Amino acid sequence: MARHTATARTGSFAGPARALAALLAALLAGAAGAAAPVQFTPTGEVEAAREVRAVFGEPMVRLGDGRAPDPYDVDCPVAGRGRWVDPGTWIWRLDAPAPAGIRCVFTPRAGTRALSGATPAGFTRHAFSTPGPAIVRSRPWEESRIAEDQVFLLVLSGAAQPESVAQ
């Protein structure tokens, strides 16, 4: 046992080190060749939204370029402003909290390219919506006695559409 340990301590590690270096080089070359897809949040239905974030897998703008165009055309009933926070991260801030029952759509702007000239992987249309208004409080409250001709007062989380209330 001692002989094996002595050999391991004094033996050459060039072979294993070379193999490990080659493996790391191959992994890094593969990662550099295939950019990660765009990570876009939020998507789907969300309770509250104040900011949209798109993180690209490669640099899209030069650091500090305040005139770089937005990568998306935004269709949203709430006004907002987009800006690049670093070469690969774009945010769009809503001027006000997203109210109940809206949908915001982000469509890739034609001609948007990374600094490398490539179209970003996963650069597709994204959207989020907020749920319709929900009952926050009601009068009379649950389990209280009600009259046959009772009037109900409902406090909603957002504005309700008259046609949806009629249903």
Foldseek 3Di string as FASTA:
>chain_A
DVVVVVCVVPPDCVVVVVVVVVVVVVVVVVPVVAFDAWDWPDFEEDAKDFKIKIFFRAFQDAAPPFPDDDQWDKDWPFDWDWTAPGRGMIMIGTPDMDAAWIKMKTAGDPPRAGPVRHDTHNRGIGMYHYHHKDFPAKPPHPPDDADPPGDMDTDIRHDDDVVVVVD
